[in-house]
Amino acid sequence: MESLYLLIPLSVILVFGILLVFAWSLGSGQFDDLEAQGRTVVDDDDSPKNDVALSTLAAATLTPDSGHCAKSSKP
């Protein structure tokens, strides 16, 4: 019975602490957009992240190979 004198005030303090943390999270915008992070996982983003790497790749594929002849001289 004496343990209730300790447990009841501790549980009340715990409940108020949880309510304070929840109120803080609501005020700081933690629950404003719950779906944005889930959408970013499944979005198909094909745009290149680095334009320098894209231009280097394009330059390497567009320059003709000097050792390769497109047409053969044999009939």
C-alpha atoms as a PDB file:
ATOM      1  CA  MET A   1       0.000   0.000   0.000  1.00  0.00           C
ATOM      2  CA  GLU A   2       2.857   2.345   0.761  1.00  0.00           C
ATOM      3  CA  SER A   3       4.210   1.816  -2.770  1.00  0.00           C
ATOM      4  CA  LEU A   4       1.103   3.501  -4.183  1.00  0.00           C
ATOM      5  CA  TYR A   5       2.165   6.739  -2.460  1.00  0.00           C
ATOM      6  CA  LEU A   6       5.248   6.650  -4.658  1.00  0.00           C
ATOM      7  CA  LEU A   7       3.842   5.126  -7.864  1.00  0.00           C
ATOM      8  CA  ILE A   8       0.825   7.412  -8.313  1.00  0.00           C
ATOM      9  CA  PRO A   9       2.799  10.696  -8.200  1.00  0.00           C
ATOM     10  CA  LEU A  10       5.486   9.186 -10.467  1.00  0.00           C
ATOM     11  CA  SER A  11       2.884   8.088 -13.018  1.00  0.00           C
ATOM     12  CA  VAL A  12       1.258  11.544 -12.954  1.00  0.00           C
ATOM     13  CA  ILE A  13       4.653  13.191 -13.526  1.00  0.00           C
ATOM     14  CA  LEU A  14       5.344  10.735 -16.353  1.00  0.00           C
ATOM     15  CA  VAL A  15       2.000  11.482 -18.023  1.00  0.00           C
ATOM     16  CA  PHE A  16       2.606  15.248 -17.818  1.00  0.00           C
ATOM     17  CA  GLY A  17       6.098  14.753 -19.247  1.00  0.00           C
ATOM     18  CA  ILE A  18       4.749  12.746 -22.154  1.00  0.00           C
ATOM     19  CA  LEU A  19       2.082  15.382 -22.794  1.00  0.00           C
ATOM     20  CA  LEU A  20       4.719  18.133 -22.778  1.00  0.00           C
ATOM     21  CA  VAL A  21       6.883  16.265 -25.278  1.00  0.00           C
ATOM     22  CA  PHE A  22       3.858  15.608 -27.497  1.00  0.00           C
ATOM     23  CA  ALA A  23       2.788  19.258 -27.343  1.00  0.00           C
ATOM     24  CA  TRP A  24       6.331  20.327 -28.230  1.00  0.00           C
ATOM     25  CA  SER A  25       6.393  17.972 -31.217  1.00  0.00           C
ATOM     26  CA  LEU A  26       3.076  19.323 -32.463  1.00  0.00           C
ATOM     27  CA  GLY A  27       4.292  22.903 -32.096  1.00  0.00           C
ATOM     28  CA  SER A  28       7.605  22.270 -33.853  1.00  0.00           C
ATOM     29  CA  GLY A  29       5.956  20.772 -36.955  1.00  0.00           C
ATOM     30  CA  GLN A  30       6.882  17.129 -36.514  1.00  0.00           C
ATOM     31  CA  PHE A  31       3.486  15.981 -37.795  1.00  0.00           C
ATOM     32  CA  ASP A  32       2.938  18.534 -40.585  1.00  0.00           C
ATOM     33  CA  ASP A  33       3.710  16.275 -43.559  1.00  0.00           C
ATOM     34  CA  LEU A  34       3.682  12.588 -42.756  1.00  0.00           C
ATOM     35  CA  GLU A  35       3.741  11.312 -46.350  1.00  0.00           C
ATOM     36  CA  ALA A  36       6.603  13.273 -47.939  1.00  0.00           C
ATOM     37  CA  GLN A  37       9.371  10.959 -46.754  1.00  0.00           C
ATOM     38  CA  GLY A  38       7.439   7.918 -47.941  1.00  0.00           C
ATOM     39  CA  ARG A  39       6.968   9.438 -51.394  1.00  0.00           C
ATOM     40  CA  THR A  40      10.656  10.251 -51.775  1.00  0.00           C
ATOM     41  CA  VAL A  41      11.512   6.579 -51.408  1.00  0.00           C
ATOM     42  CA  VAL A  42       9.348   5.482 -54.351  1.00  0.00           C
ATOM     43  CA  ASP A  43       9.816   8.526 -56.617  1.00  0.00           C
ATOM     44  CA  ASP A  44      11.681   7.673 -59.785  1.00  0.00           C
ATOM     45  CA  ASP A  45      14.183  10.471 -60.163  1.00  0.00           C
ATOM     46  CA  ASP A  46      16.009  10.001 -63.448  1.00  0.00           C
ATOM     47  CA  SER A  47      17.575  13.442 -63.505  1.00  0.00           C
ATOM     48  CA  PRO A  48      21.363  13.430 -63.158  1.00  0.00           C
ATOM     49  CA  LYS A  49      22.788  14.602 -59.886  1.00  0.00           C
ATOM     50  CA  ASN A  50      26.041  15.874 -61.346  1.00  0.00           C
ATOM     51  CA  ASP A  51      26.032  17.814 -64.641  1.00  0.00           C
ATOM     52  CA  VAL A  52      29.816  17.492 -64.970  1.00  0.00           C
ATOM     53  CA  ALA A  53      29.601  13.691 -64.946  1.00  0.00           C
ATOM     54  CA  LEU A  54      26.817  13.808 -67.538  1.00  0.00           C
ATOM     55  CA  SER A  55      28.781  16.086 -69.873  1.00  0.00           C
ATOM     56  CA  THR A  56      31.868  13.881 -69.518  1.00  0.00           C
ATOM     57  CA  LEU A  57      29.811  10.796 -70.319  1.00  0.00           C
ATOM     58  CA  ALA A  58      28.178  12.497 -73.310  1.00  0.00           C
ATOM     59  CA  ALA A  59      31.521  13.667 -74.635  1.00  0.00           C
ATOM     60  CA  ALA A  60      32.982  10.181 -74.320  1.00  0.00           C
ATOM     61  CA  THR A  61      30.100   8.530 -76.164  1.00  0.00           C
ATOM     62  CA  LEU A  62      29.766  11.163 -78.890  1.00  0.00           C
ATOM     63  CA  THR A  63      33.407  11.307 -79.973  1.00  0.00           C
ATOM     64  CA  PRO A  64      34.206   8.835 -82.717  1.00  0.00           C
ATOM     65  CA  ASP A  65      36.739   6.142 -82.106  1.00  0.00           C
ATOM     66  CA  SER A  66      39.749   6.851 -84.332  1.00  0.00           C
ATOM     67  CA  GLY A  67      40.680   3.176 -84.638  1.00  0.00           C
ATOM     68  CA  HIS A  68      37.249   2.012 -85.772  1.00  0.00           C
ATOM     69  CA  CYS A  69      36.026   2.346 -89.327  1.00  0.00           C
ATOM     70  CA  ALA A  70      32.272   2.423 -89.869  1.00  0.00           C
ATOM     71  CA  LYS A  71      32.402   1.181 -93.486  1.00  0.00           C
ATOM     72  CA  SER A  72      34.570  -1.571 -94.749  1.00  0.00           C
ATOM     73  CA  SER A  73      36.497  -1.155 -97.994  1.00  0.00           C
ATOM     74  CA  LYS A  74      35.880  -4.804 -98.933  1.00  0.00           C
ATOM     75  CA  PRO A  75      32.783  -5.566-101.028  1.00  0.00           C
END
